[in-house]
C-alpha atoms as a PDB file:
ATOM      1  CA  UNK A   1      88.732 120.799 110.297  1.00  0.00           C
ATOM      2  CA  UNK A   2      87.151 117.803 109.581  1.00  0.00           C
ATOM      3  CA  UNK A   3      88.831 114.630 108.916  1.00  0.00           C
ATOM      4  CA  UNK A   4      87.621 113.019 105.903  1.00  0.00           C
ATOM      5  CA  UNK A   5      87.998 108.915 104.954  1.00  0.00           C
ATOM      6  CA  UNK A   6      88.567 107.280 101.325  1.00  0.00           C
ATOM      7  CA  UNK A   7      88.689 103.882 100.595  1.00  0.00           C
ATOM      8  CA  UNK A   8      91.255 102.908  98.227  1.00  0.00           C
ATOM      9  CA  UNK A   9      91.785 100.103  96.365  1.00  0.00           C
ATOM     10  CA  UNK A  10      94.795  98.553  93.493  1.00  0.00           C
ATOM     11  CA  UNK A  11      92.837  95.850  91.609  1.00  0.00           C
ATOM     12  CA  UNK A  12      95.118  93.453  90.001  1.00  0.00           C
ATOM     13  CA  UNK A  13      94.548  90.036  88.066  1.00  0.00           C
ATOM     14  CA  UNK A  14      95.766  88.104  91.370  1.00  0.00           C
ATOM     15  CA  UNK A  15      94.745  90.234  94.398  1.00  0.00           C
ATOM     16  CA  UNK A  16      93.532  93.225  95.557  1.00  0.00           C
ATOM     17  CA  UNK A  17      94.718  95.626  98.093  1.00  0.00           C
ATOM     18  CA  UNK A  18      92.315  98.237  99.818  1.00  0.00           C
ATOM     19  CA  UNK A  19      93.161 100.893 102.380  1.00  0.00           C
ATOM     20  CA  UNK A  20      91.151 103.234 104.632  1.00  0.00           C
ATOM     21  CA  UNK A  21      92.958 106.372 104.830  1.00  0.00           C
ATOM     22  CA  UNK A  22      92.484 110.232 105.963  1.00  0.00           C
ATOM     23  CA  UNK A  23      92.410 113.368 104.444  1.00  0.00           C
ATOM     24  CA  UNK A  24      94.690 114.086 106.998  1.00  0.00           C
ATOM     25  CA  UNK A  25      97.232 111.437 105.475  1.00  0.00           C
ATOM     26  CA  UNK A  26      96.453 108.353 108.320  1.00  0.00           C
ATOM     27  CA  UNK A  27      96.188 105.161 107.545  1.00  0.00           C
ATOM     28  CA  UNK A  28      93.650 103.494 109.548  1.00  0.00           C
ATOM     29  CA  UNK A  29      93.475  99.845 107.722  1.00  0.00           C
ATOM     30  CA  UNK A  30      94.593  97.807 104.954  1.00  0.00           C
ATOM     31  CA  UNK A  31      92.824  94.672 103.767  1.00  0.00           C
ATOM     32  CA  UNK A  32      94.324  92.245 101.261  1.00  0.00           C
ATOM     33  CA  UNK A  33      91.543  89.526  99.170  1.00  0.00           C
ATOM     34  CA  UNK A  34      91.423  87.875  95.876  1.00  0.00           C
ATOM     35  CA  UNK A  35      90.795  89.727  92.680  1.00  0.00           C
ATOM     36  CA  UNK A  36      88.206  92.191  91.867  1.00  0.00           C
ATOM     37  CA  UNK A  37      88.794  92.632  88.826  1.00  0.00           C
ATOM     38  CA  UNK A  38      85.925  92.173  86.147  1.00  0.00           C
ATOM     39  CA  UNK A  39      87.999  91.177  83.889  1.00  0.00           C
ATOM     40  CA  UNK A  40      89.078  88.193  85.497  1.00  0.00           C
ATOM     41  CA  UNK A  41      85.734  87.071  87.179  1.00  0.00           C
ATOM     42  CA  UNK A  42      82.359  88.010  86.744  1.00  0.00           C
ATOM     43  CA  UNK A  43      81.203  91.794  87.925  1.00  0.00           C
ATOM     44  CA  UNK A  44      78.977  90.558  90.707  1.00  0.00           C
ATOM     45  CA  UNK A  45      81.943  88.758  92.171  1.00  0.00           C
ATOM     46  CA  UNK A  46      84.080  91.795  91.412  1.00  0.00           C
ATOM     47  CA  UNK A  47      81.729  93.797  93.487  1.00  0.00           C
ATOM     48  CA  UNK A  48      80.962  91.111  96.230  1.00  0.00           C
ATOM     49  CA  UNK A  49      84.695  91.318  96.987  1.00  0.00           C
ATOM     50  CA  UNK A  50      84.770  94.889  97.336  1.00  0.00           C
ATOM     51  CA  UNK A  51      82.085  95.184  99.530  1.00  0.00           C
ATOM     52  CA  UNK A  52      83.652  92.213 101.994  1.00  0.00           C
ATOM     53  CA  UNK A  53      87.186  94.256 101.836  1.00  0.00           C
ATOM     54  CA  UNK A  54      85.670  97.686 102.484  1.00  0.00           C
ATOM     55  CA  UNK A  55      82.748  96.940 105.103  1.00  0.00           C
ATOM     56  CA  UNK A  56      85.808  95.401 106.735  1.00  0.00           C
ATOM     57  CA  UNK A  57      87.786  98.529 106.905  1.00  0.00           C
ATOM     58  CA  UNK A  58      85.276 101.027 107.603  1.00  0.00           C
ATOM     59  CA  UNK A  59      84.051  98.372 110.543  1.00  0.00           C
ATOM     60  CA  UNK A  60      87.677  98.925 111.855  1.00  0.00           C
ATOM     61  CA  UNK A  61      87.234 102.479 111.859  1.00  0.00           C
ATOM     62  CA  UNK A  62      83.778 102.231 113.818  1.00  0.00           C
ATOM     63  CA  UNK A  63      81.675 102.012 110.734  1.00  0.00           C
ATOM     64  CA  UNK A  64      79.593 104.504 108.468  1.00  0.00           C
ATOM     65  CA  UNK A  65      80.709 104.832 105.116  1.00  0.00           C
ATOM     66  CA  UNK A  66      83.646 107.229 103.406  1.00  0.00           C
ATOM     67  CA  UNK A  67      83.118 110.306 101.611  1.00  0.00           C
ATOM     68  CA  UNK A  68      85.674 108.691  98.327  1.00  0.00           C
ATOM     69  CA  UNK A  69      86.106 104.949  96.847  1.00  0.00           C
ATOM     70  CA  UNK A  70      89.618 105.251  94.300  1.00  0.00           C
ATOM     71  CA  UNK A  71      88.973 102.172  92.255  1.00  0.00           C
ATOM     72  CA  UNK A  72      92.292 101.542  90.273  1.00  0.00           C
ATOM     73  CA  UNK A  73      91.894  98.297  88.588  1.00  0.00           C
ATOM     74  CA  UNK A  74      93.565  95.918  85.709  1.00  0.00           C
ATOM     75  CA  UNK A  75      90.646  95.228  82.795  1.00  0.00           C
ATOM     76  CA  UNK A  76      89.299  98.864  83.032  1.00  0.00           C
ATOM     77  CA  UNK A  77      90.133  99.232  79.383  1.00  0.00           C
ATOM     78  CA  UNK A  78      87.221 100.748  78.034  1.00  0.00           C
ATOM     79  CA  UNK A  79      84.662 103.317  79.276  1.00  0.00           C
ATOM     80  CA  UNK A  80      81.912 100.563  79.388  1.00  0.00           C
ATOM     81  CA  UNK A  81      84.050  98.930  81.888  1.00  0.00           C
ATOM     82  CA  UNK A  82      84.429 102.289  83.983  1.00  0.00           C
ATOM     83  CA  UNK A  83      80.719 102.768  84.192  1.00  0.00           C
ATOM     84  CA  UNK A  84      79.403  99.257  85.128  1.00  0.00           C
ATOM     85  CA  UNK A  85      82.191  98.671  87.639  1.00  0.00           C
ATOM     86  CA  UNK A  86      80.761 102.481  88.994  1.00  0.00           C
ATOM     87  CA  UNK A  87      77.490 101.595  88.823  1.00  0.00           C
ATOM     88  CA  UNK A  88      78.318  98.327  90.625  1.00  0.00           C
ATOM     89  CA  UNK A  89      80.359  99.585  93.816  1.00  0.00           C
ATOM     90  CA  UNK A  90      78.093 102.959  94.023  1.00  0.00           C
ATOM     91  CA  UNK A  91      75.254 100.222  94.725  1.00  0.00           C
ATOM     92  CA  UNK A  92      77.358  99.279  97.899  1.00  0.00           C
ATOM     93  CA  UNK A  93      76.980 102.476  99.461  1.00  0.00           C
ATOM     94  CA  UNK A  94      80.278 102.270 101.184  1.00  0.00           C
ATOM     95  CA  UNK A  95      81.372 106.007  99.931  1.00  0.00           C
ATOM     96  CA  UNK A  96      79.376 108.997  99.107  1.00  0.00           C
ATOM     97  CA  UNK A  97      80.853 108.876  95.299  1.00  0.00           C
ATOM     98  CA  UNK A  98      82.843 107.192  93.529  1.00  0.00           C
ATOM     99  CA  UNK A  99      86.026 106.978  91.098  1.00  0.00           C
ATOM    100  CA  UNK A 100      87.183 103.893  89.192  1.00  0.00           C
ATOM    101  CA  UNK A 101      90.730 104.265  86.786  1.00  0.00           C
ATOM    102  CA  UNK A 102      92.708 101.472  84.863  1.00  0.00           C
ATOM    103  CA  UNK A 103      95.530 100.592  87.409  1.00  0.00           C
ATOM    104  CA  UNK A 104      97.929 102.347  84.983  1.00  0.00           C
ATOM    105  CA  UNK A 105      97.204 105.276  87.069  1.00  0.00           C
ATOM    106  CA  UNK A 106      97.539 104.098  90.519  1.00  0.00           C
ATOM    107  CA  UNK A 107     101.172 103.036  89.688  1.00  0.00           C
ATOM    108  CA  UNK A 108     101.845 106.308  87.756  1.00  0.00           C
ATOM    109  CA  UNK A 109     100.773 108.391  91.112  1.00  0.00           C
ATOM    110  CA  UNK A 110     102.742 105.960  93.270  1.00  0.00           C
ATOM    111  CA  UNK A 111     105.929 106.186  91.809  1.00  0.00           C
ATOM    112  CA  UNK A 112     105.875 109.928  91.149  1.00  0.00           C
ATOM    113  CA  UNK A 113     105.048 113.238  93.318  1.00  0.00           C
ATOM    114  CA  UNK A 114     102.732 114.769  90.893  1.00  0.00           C
ATOM    115  CA  UNK A 115     101.137 111.814  88.862  1.00  0.00           C
ATOM    116  CA  UNK A 116     103.314 112.684  85.319  1.00  0.00           C
ATOM    117  CA  UNK A 117     105.040 110.775  83.437  1.00  0.00           C
ATOM    118  CA  UNK A 118     104.735 107.179  81.841  1.00  0.00           C
ATOM    119  CA  UNK A 119     104.107 103.754  84.322  1.00  0.00           C
ATOM    120  CA  UNK A 120     104.363 100.518  82.320  1.00  0.00           C
ATOM    121  CA  UNK A 121     102.988  97.334  84.734  1.00  0.00           C
ATOM    122  CA  UNK A 122     104.126  93.837  83.749  1.00  0.00           C
ATOM    123  CA  UNK A 123     102.685  91.324  85.898  1.00  0.00           C
ATOM    124  CA  UNK A 124     100.232  88.564  84.488  1.00  0.00           C
ATOM    125  CA  UNK A 125      99.688  90.276  81.707  1.00  0.00           C
ATOM    126  CA  UNK A 126     101.280  94.114  80.431  1.00  0.00           C
ATOM    127  CA  UNK A 127      99.801  97.566  79.849  1.00  0.00           C
ATOM    128  CA  UNK A 128     101.022 100.837  79.809  1.00  0.00           C
ATOM    129  CA  UNK A 129     100.063 104.537  79.652  1.00  0.00           C
ATOM    130  CA  UNK A 130     100.648 107.848  81.161  1.00  0.00           C
ATOM    131  CA  UNK A 131      99.655 111.461  82.064  1.00  0.00           C
ATOM    132  CA  UNK A 132     101.137 115.109  80.684  1.00  0.00           C
ATOM    133  CA  UNK A 133     101.207 117.906  82.904  1.00  0.00           C
ATOM    134  CA  UNK A 134      98.195 119.444  80.879  1.00  0.00           C
ATOM    135  CA  UNK A 135      95.929 116.883  81.936  1.00  0.00           C
ATOM    136  CA  UNK A 136      96.418 114.814  78.532  1.00  0.00           C
ATOM    137  CA  UNK A 137      96.099 111.130  79.051  1.00  0.00           C
ATOM    138  CA  UNK A 138      96.952 108.200  77.280  1.00  0.00           C
ATOM    139  CA  UNK A 139      96.539 104.255  77.519  1.00  0.00           C
ATOM    140  CA  UNK A 140      96.912 101.286  75.164  1.00  0.00           C
ATOM    141  CA  UNK A 141      93.971  99.274  74.486  1.00  0.00           C
ATOM    142  CA  UNK A 142      95.054  96.139  76.338  1.00  0.00           C
ATOM    143  CA  UNK A 143      92.503  93.869  74.820  1.00  0.00           C
ATOM    144  CA  UNK A 144      95.001  91.310  74.407  1.00  0.00           C
ATOM    145  CA  UNK A 145      96.068  89.508  71.082  1.00  0.00           C
ATOM    146  CA  UNK A 146      93.070  91.214  69.083  1.00  0.00           C
ATOM    147  CA  UNK A 147      94.947  94.514  69.922  1.00  0.00           C
ATOM    148  CA  UNK A 148      98.260  93.373  69.242  1.00  0.00           C
ATOM    149  CA  UNK A 149      99.630  92.684  73.041  1.00  0.00           C
ATOM    150  CA  UNK A 150     101.951  90.504  74.430  1.00  0.00           C
ATOM    151  CA  UNK A 151     104.177  90.383  77.490  1.00  0.00           C
ATOM    152  CA  UNK A 152     103.539  89.502  80.973  1.00  0.00           C
ATOM    153  CA  UNK A 153     104.178  86.497  83.067  1.00  0.00           C
ATOM    154  CA  UNK A 154     101.914  84.548  81.406  1.00  0.00           C
ATOM    155  CA  UNK A 155     102.352  85.261  77.975  1.00  0.00           C
ATOM    156  CA  UNK A 156     106.341  84.565  78.654  1.00  0.00           C
ATOM    157  CA  UNK A 157     105.281  81.647  80.732  1.00  0.00           C
ATOM    158  CA  UNK A 158     103.455  80.373  77.471  1.00  0.00           C
ATOM    159  CA  UNK A 159     106.398  81.067  75.358  1.00  0.00           C
ATOM    160  CA  UNK A 160     108.860  79.210  77.767  1.00  0.00           C
ATOM    161  CA  UNK A 161     106.749  76.031  77.691  1.00  0.00           C
ATOM    162  CA  UNK A 162     106.388  76.457  73.909  1.00  0.00           C
ATOM    163  CA  UNK A 163     109.850  76.343  73.384  1.00  0.00           C
ATOM    164  CA  UNK A 164     110.707  73.544  75.752  1.00  0.00           C
ATOM    165  CA  UNK A 165     108.222  71.545  74.070  1.00  0.00           C
ATOM    166  CA  UNK A 166     110.078  72.242  70.501  1.00  0.00           C
ATOM    167  CA  UNK A 167     113.551  71.746  72.351  1.00  0.00           C
ATOM    168  CA  UNK A 168     112.229  68.341  73.197  1.00  0.00           C
ATOM    169  CA  UNK A 169     110.617  67.532  70.057  1.00  0.00           C
ATOM    170  CA  UNK A 170     113.628  68.767  67.555  1.00  0.00           C
ATOM    171  CA  UNK A 171     111.632  71.418  66.277  1.00  0.00           C
ATOM    172  CA  UNK A 172     113.603  74.070  68.287  1.00  0.00           C
ATOM    173  CA  UNK A 173     117.116  74.713  70.098  1.00  0.00           C
ATOM    174  CA  UNK A 174     117.760  71.999  72.977  1.00  0.00           C
ATOM    175  CA  UNK A 175     116.835  74.374  76.243  1.00  0.00           C
ATOM    176  CA  UNK A 176     116.890  73.974  80.177  1.00  0.00           C
ATOM    177  CA  UNK A 177     113.946  75.149  79.569  1.00  0.00           C
ATOM    178  CA  UNK A 178     112.792  71.788  79.183  1.00  0.00           C
ATOM    179  CA  UNK A 179     113.947  70.004  82.272  1.00  0.00           C
ATOM    180  CA  UNK A 180     113.408  73.184  84.263  1.00  0.00           C
ATOM    181  CA  UNK A 181     109.328  73.935  83.015  1.00  0.00           C
ATOM    182  CA  UNK A 182     108.942  70.099  83.857  1.00  0.00           C
ATOM    183  CA  UNK A 183     110.273  70.018  87.299  1.00  0.00           C
ATOM    184  CA  UNK A 184     108.482  73.003  88.254  1.00  0.00           C
ATOM    185  CA  UNK A 185     105.139  71.406  87.771  1.00  0.00           C
ATOM    186  CA  UNK A 186     106.491  68.193  88.697  1.00  0.00           C
ATOM    187  CA  UNK A 187     106.092  66.000  85.336  1.00  0.00           C
ATOM    188  CA  UNK A 188     108.842  63.940  83.781  1.00  0.00           C
ATOM    189  CA  UNK A 189     108.698  65.984  80.480  1.00  0.00           C
ATOM    190  CA  UNK A 190     107.231  69.334  79.111  1.00  0.00           C
ATOM    191  CA  UNK A 191     104.557  67.802  77.191  1.00  0.00           C
ATOM    192  CA  UNK A 192     103.090  66.773  79.533  1.00  0.00           C
ATOM    193  CA  UNK A 193     102.756  70.252  81.206  1.00  0.00           C
ATOM    194  CA  UNK A 194     100.946  71.047  77.643  1.00  0.00           C
ATOM    195  CA  UNK A 195      98.968  68.015  77.655  1.00  0.00           C
ATOM    196  CA  UNK A 196      97.444  68.737  81.601  1.00  0.00           C
ATOM    197  CA  UNK A 197      96.181  72.418  80.424  1.00  0.00           C
ATOM    198  CA  UNK A 198      94.751  70.787  77.057  1.00  0.00           C
ATOM    199  CA  UNK A 199      92.378  68.046  79.402  1.00  0.00           C
ATOM    200  CA  UNK A 200      91.860  71.047  81.828  1.00  0.00           C
ATOM    201  CA  UNK A 201      93.921  69.572  84.658  1.00  0.00           C
ATOM    202  CA  UNK A 202      96.374  72.594  84.913  1.00  0.00           C
ATOM    203  CA  UNK A 203      94.896  76.280  84.585  1.00  0.00           C
ATOM    204  CA  UNK A 204      96.873  78.019  81.647  1.00  0.00           C
ATOM    205  CA  UNK A 205      97.384  80.866  83.882  1.00  0.00           C
ATOM    206  CA  UNK A 206      99.510  78.926  85.795  1.00  0.00           C
ATOM    207  CA  UNK A 207     102.271  79.461  83.603  1.00  0.00           C
ATOM    208  CA  UNK A 208     102.777  82.718  85.118  1.00  0.00           C
ATOM    209  CA  UNK A 209     104.543  80.719  87.638  1.00  0.00           C
ATOM    210  CA  UNK A 210     107.318  80.037  84.936  1.00  0.00           C
ATOM    211  CA  UNK A 211     108.888  83.610  84.951  1.00  0.00           C
ATOM    212  CA  UNK A 212     111.787  82.963  87.813  1.00  0.00           C
ATOM    213  CA  UNK A 213     111.888  80.216  85.779  1.00  0.00           C
ATOM    214  CA  UNK A 214     112.730  81.548  82.831  1.00  0.00           C
ATOM    215  CA  UNK A 215     115.212  84.231  84.527  1.00  0.00           C
ATOM    216  CA  UNK A 216     116.907  81.554  86.293  1.00  0.00           C
ATOM    217  CA  UNK A 217     117.784  79.637  82.492  1.00  0.00           C
ATOM    218  CA  UNK A 218     118.673  82.831  81.052  1.00  0.00           C
ATOM    219  CA  UNK A 219     120.534  84.212  83.761  1.00  0.00           C
ATOM    220  CA  UNK A 220     122.947  80.527  83.739  1.00  0.00           C
ATOM    221  CA  UNK A 221     123.395  81.195  80.118  1.00  0.00           C
ATOM    222  CA  UNK A 222     120.550  78.973  78.362  1.00  0.00           C
ATOM    223  CA  UNK A 223     120.208  80.655  74.981  1.00  0.00           C
ATOM    224  CA  UNK A 224     116.228  79.999  74.361  1.00  0.00           C
ATOM    225  CA  UNK A 225     115.296  82.133  77.738  1.00  0.00           C
ATOM    226  CA  UNK A 226     117.823  84.607  77.056  1.00  0.00           C
ATOM    227  CA  UNK A 227     115.768  85.057  73.811  1.00  0.00           C
ATOM    228  CA  UNK A 228     112.662  85.415  75.632  1.00  0.00           C
ATOM    229  CA  UNK A 229     114.178  87.519  78.378  1.00  0.00           C
ATOM    230  CA  UNK A 230     115.204  89.956  76.158  1.00  0.00           C
ATOM    231  CA  UNK A 231     111.572  90.093  73.869  1.00  0.00           C
ATOM    232  CA  UNK A 232     110.211  91.039  77.221  1.00  0.00           C
ATOM    233  CA  UNK A 233     112.262  93.309  77.847  1.00  0.00           C
ATOM    234  CA  UNK A 234     112.030  95.567  74.123  1.00  0.00           C
ATOM    235  CA  UNK A 235     108.545  94.916  74.774  1.00  0.00           C
ATOM    236  CA  UNK A 236     108.662  96.928  77.778  1.00  0.00           C
ATOM    237  CA  UNK A 237     110.538  99.480  76.663  1.00  0.00           C
ATOM    238  CA  UNK A 238     108.667  99.725  72.942  1.00  0.00           C
ATOM    239  CA  UNK A 239     105.192 100.724  75.433  1.00  0.00           C
ATOM    240  CA  UNK A 240     107.271 103.252  77.327  1.00  0.00           C
ATOM    241  CA  UNK A 241     108.384 104.997  74.100  1.00  0.00           C
ATOM    242  CA  UNK A 242     105.413 104.599  72.415  1.00  0.00           C
ATOM    243  CA  UNK A 243     103.790 106.056  75.425  1.00  0.00           C
ATOM    244  CA  UNK A 244     106.075 108.885  75.745  1.00  0.00           C
ATOM    245  CA  UNK A 245     105.858 109.619  71.786  1.00  0.00           C
ATOM    246  CA  UNK A 246     101.956 110.088  72.146  1.00  0.00           C
ATOM    247  CA  UNK A 247     102.040 112.560  75.273  1.00  0.00           C
ATOM    248  CA  UNK A 248     104.853 114.527  73.358  1.00  0.00           C
ATOM    249  CA  UNK A 249     106.952 113.486  76.542  1.00  0.00           C
ATOM    250  CA  UNK A 250     109.987 111.948  74.274  1.00  0.00           C
ATOM    251  CA  UNK A 251     112.476 114.686  74.294  1.00  0.00           C
ATOM    252  CA  UNK A 252     111.484 115.817  77.649  1.00  0.00           C
ATOM    253  CA  UNK A 253     112.559 114.900  81.590  1.00  0.00           C
ATOM    254  CA  UNK A 254     109.699 112.757  82.441  1.00  0.00           C
ATOM    255  CA  UNK A 255     109.667 109.841  84.599  1.00  0.00           C
ATOM    256  CA  UNK A 256     108.913 106.085  82.939  1.00  0.00           C
ATOM    257  CA  UNK A 257     107.754 103.947  86.265  1.00  0.00           C
ATOM    258  CA  UNK A 258     107.876 100.163  86.221  1.00  0.00           C
ATOM    259  CA  UNK A 259     105.473  98.292  88.393  1.00  0.00           C
ATOM    260  CA  UNK A 260     104.424  94.924  88.736  1.00  0.00           C
ATOM    261  CA  UNK A 261     106.057  91.070  89.868  1.00  0.00           C
ATOM    262  CA  UNK A 262     107.903  90.453  86.471  1.00  0.00           C
ATOM    263  CA  UNK A 263     110.125  93.383  87.352  1.00  0.00           C
ATOM    264  CA  UNK A 264     110.976  91.963  90.872  1.00  0.00           C
ATOM    265  CA  UNK A 265     113.343  89.688  88.753  1.00  0.00           C
ATOM    266  CA  UNK A 266     117.040  90.614  89.406  1.00  0.00           C
ATOM    267  CA  UNK A 267     118.114  89.526  86.104  1.00  0.00           C
ATOM    268  CA  UNK A 268     120.855  92.580  85.421  1.00  0.00           C
ATOM    269  CA  UNK A 269     120.707  92.063  81.698  1.00  0.00           C
ATOM    270  CA  UNK A 270     116.839  92.468  81.775  1.00  0.00           C
ATOM    271  CA  UNK A 271     116.612  95.785  83.813  1.00  0.00           C
ATOM    272  CA  UNK A 272     119.526  96.582  81.607  1.00  0.00           C
ATOM    273  CA  UNK A 273     118.068  96.462  78.226  1.00  0.00           C
ATOM    274  CA  UNK A 274     115.293  98.317  79.096  1.00  0.00           C
ATOM    275  CA  UNK A 275     117.154 100.889  80.374  1.00  0.00           C
ATOM    276  CA  UNK A 276     119.437 101.494  76.972  1.00  0.00           C
ATOM    277  CA  UNK A 277     116.783 101.187  74.839  1.00  0.00           C
ATOM    278  CA  UNK A 278     114.637 103.762  76.575  1.00  0.00           C
ATOM    279  CA  UNK A 279     117.358 106.068  76.896  1.00  0.00           C
ATOM    280  CA  UNK A 280     118.273 105.559  73.129  1.00  0.00           C
ATOM    281  CA  UNK A 281     114.413 107.094  72.294  1.00  0.00           C
ATOM    282  CA  UNK A 282     113.909 109.513  74.989  1.00  0.00           C
ATOM    283  CA  UNK A 283     117.580 110.466  76.398  1.00  0.00           C
ATOM    284  CA  UNK A 284     116.189 112.525  79.251  1.00  0.00           C
ATOM    285  CA  UNK A 285     113.499 109.728  80.511  1.00  0.00           C
ATOM    286  CA  UNK A 286     113.965 108.540  84.569  1.00  0.00           C
ATOM    287  CA  UNK A 287     113.379 105.070  84.899  1.00  0.00           C
ATOM    288  CA  UNK A 288     112.520 103.780  88.426  1.00  0.00           C
ATOM    289  CA  UNK A 289     111.109 100.699  89.446  1.00  0.00           C
ATOM    290  CA  UNK A 290     108.301 101.066  91.999  1.00  0.00           C
ATOM    291  CA  UNK A 291     109.135 100.679  95.311  1.00  0.00           C
ATOM    292  CA  UNK A 292     105.923 101.386  97.156  1.00  0.00           C
ATOM    293  CA  UNK A 293     102.679  99.270  96.917  1.00  0.00           C
ATOM    294  CA  UNK A 294     100.639 100.445  93.588  1.00  0.00           C
ATOM    295  CA  UNK A 295      97.409 101.034  96.315  1.00  0.00           C
ATOM    296  CA  UNK A 296      99.211 104.075  98.036  1.00  0.00           C
ATOM    297  CA  UNK A 297      98.843 105.906  94.308  1.00  0.00           C
ATOM    298  CA  UNK A 298      94.909 105.183  94.271  1.00  0.00           C
ATOM    299  CA  UNK A 299      95.139 106.525  97.945  1.00  0.00           C
ATOM    300  CA  UNK A 300      97.105 109.997  96.665  1.00  0.00           C
ATOM    301  CA  UNK A 301      94.501 109.848  93.855  1.00  0.00           C
ATOM    302  CA  UNK A 302      91.669 110.550  95.937  1.00  0.00           C
ATOM    303  CA  UNK A 303      93.821 112.973  98.360  1.00  0.00           C
ATOM    304  CA  UNK A 304      94.558 115.326  95.033  1.00  0.00           C
ATOM    305  CA  UNK A 305      90.782 114.804  94.235  1.00  0.00           C
ATOM    306  CA  UNK A 306      89.339 116.084  97.741  1.00  0.00           C
ATOM    307  CA  UNK A 307      92.458 118.879  97.765  1.00  0.00           C
ATOM    308  CA  UNK A 308      93.969 117.287 100.823  1.00  0.00           C
ATOM    309  CA  UNK A 309      97.589 118.939 101.698  1.00  0.00           C
ATOM    310  CA  UNK A 310     101.403 118.050 100.375  1.00  0.00           C
ATOM    311  CA  UNK A 311     101.702 117.225 104.343  1.00  0.00           C
ATOM    312  CA  UNK A 312      98.852 115.047 104.439  1.00  0.00           C
ATOM    313  CA  UNK A 313     100.007 113.433 101.172  1.00  0.00           C
ATOM    314  CA  UNK A 314     103.578 113.507 102.380  1.00  0.00           C
ATOM    315  CA  UNK A 315     102.540 111.684 105.933  1.00  0.00           C
ATOM    316  CA  UNK A 316     100.384 108.721 104.340  1.00  0.00           C
ATOM    317  CA  UNK A 317     102.775 107.714 101.788  1.00  0.00           C
ATOM    318  CA  UNK A 318     105.393 107.382 104.766  1.00  0.00           C
ATOM    319  CA  UNK A 319     102.645 105.187 106.427  1.00  0.00           C
ATOM    320  CA  UNK A 320     101.936 103.113 103.490  1.00  0.00           C
ATOM    321  CA  UNK A 321     105.685 102.829 102.897  1.00  0.00           C
ATOM    322  CA  UNK A 322     106.232 101.860 107.175  1.00  0.00           C
ATOM    323  CA  UNK A 323     103.295  99.338 106.858  1.00  0.00           C
ATOM    324  CA  UNK A 324     103.972  97.829 103.795  1.00  0.00           C
ATOM    325  CA  UNK A 325     101.352  95.405 103.491  1.00  0.00           C
ATOM    326  CA  UNK A 326      98.020  94.442 105.264  1.00  0.00           C
ATOM    327  CA  UNK A 327      97.404  95.083 108.751  1.00  0.00           C
ATOM    328  CA  UNK A 328      94.119  95.831 110.995  1.00  0.00           C
ATOM    329  CA  UNK A 329      93.028  99.636 112.498  1.00  0.00           C
ATOM    330  CA  UNK A 330      95.704 101.983 113.050  1.00  0.00           C
ATOM    331  CA  UNK A 331      95.466 104.611 115.366  1.00  0.00           C
ATOM    332  CA  UNK A 332      95.074 107.919 114.325  1.00  0.00           C
ATOM    333  CA  UNK A 333      98.173 110.222 114.197  1.00  0.00           C
ATOM    334  CA  UNK A 334      97.855 113.241 116.655  1.00  0.00           C
END
């Protein structure tokens, strides 16, 4: 049987993971680079980032091109987004055919055996969606405030800074976030952080760095931090429950996969609140944290598309789980 190669990408708001795998389930190469999300950088720059990573991976296995490229990315929110990215990727000639999906479906496929259920991604931003067994898909528009979206590290950090400033000037309750936020950015008071952002000396995107600070304060009993963490937990659960409802899965035994850097927080009350709220609205849902790299899901989507065997999918899951992160060329298994 001819062994075919697949390039698979998981593109987040801050980084890109690319793997080169075979139809037999071998992991040949894994590369990591800056974000290739067309929502975060100009499209030409995003395509260039993919080109560089893809050519490095293919060169590590003797060159040529792959049969399939699966590009799962944050910011693929409208049909036009997918079409523009697909056209750019096809021009690279890295693979005979190209598939572009939102990164929700990579996370869902990585966290489940068959790719059915709901996934919530909470990293720098937040999004959710899912897939029913009959093939029906659902995703939120995820265009930010104009579509009612809130959540993720950047939004949490922005509210933390606001609470810190308000607590310091008397408009809000006193909170340990004041000293913690200021200390994180090495300034004397939280208002100095706001001034730095306003004057362009500090990128607002860096407010996502405050996620551990907020969880630390909440765990220590700070009321304002607790309020923010509970607000995020409620939003995560709401996204999951609404997605389940749209797919007709509220009463079904369905997986809810939680993926993204914010869920790495070990704050027990945060995770417990999510689980309890989802259980109240969907008693048979199984809430699971994604414990494998989401690029595995992109690669599995590729294997699904070419009709690879269950053995190949299992082999690839084991290989990527063992590798855990970027590596050079890997010898094909016997």
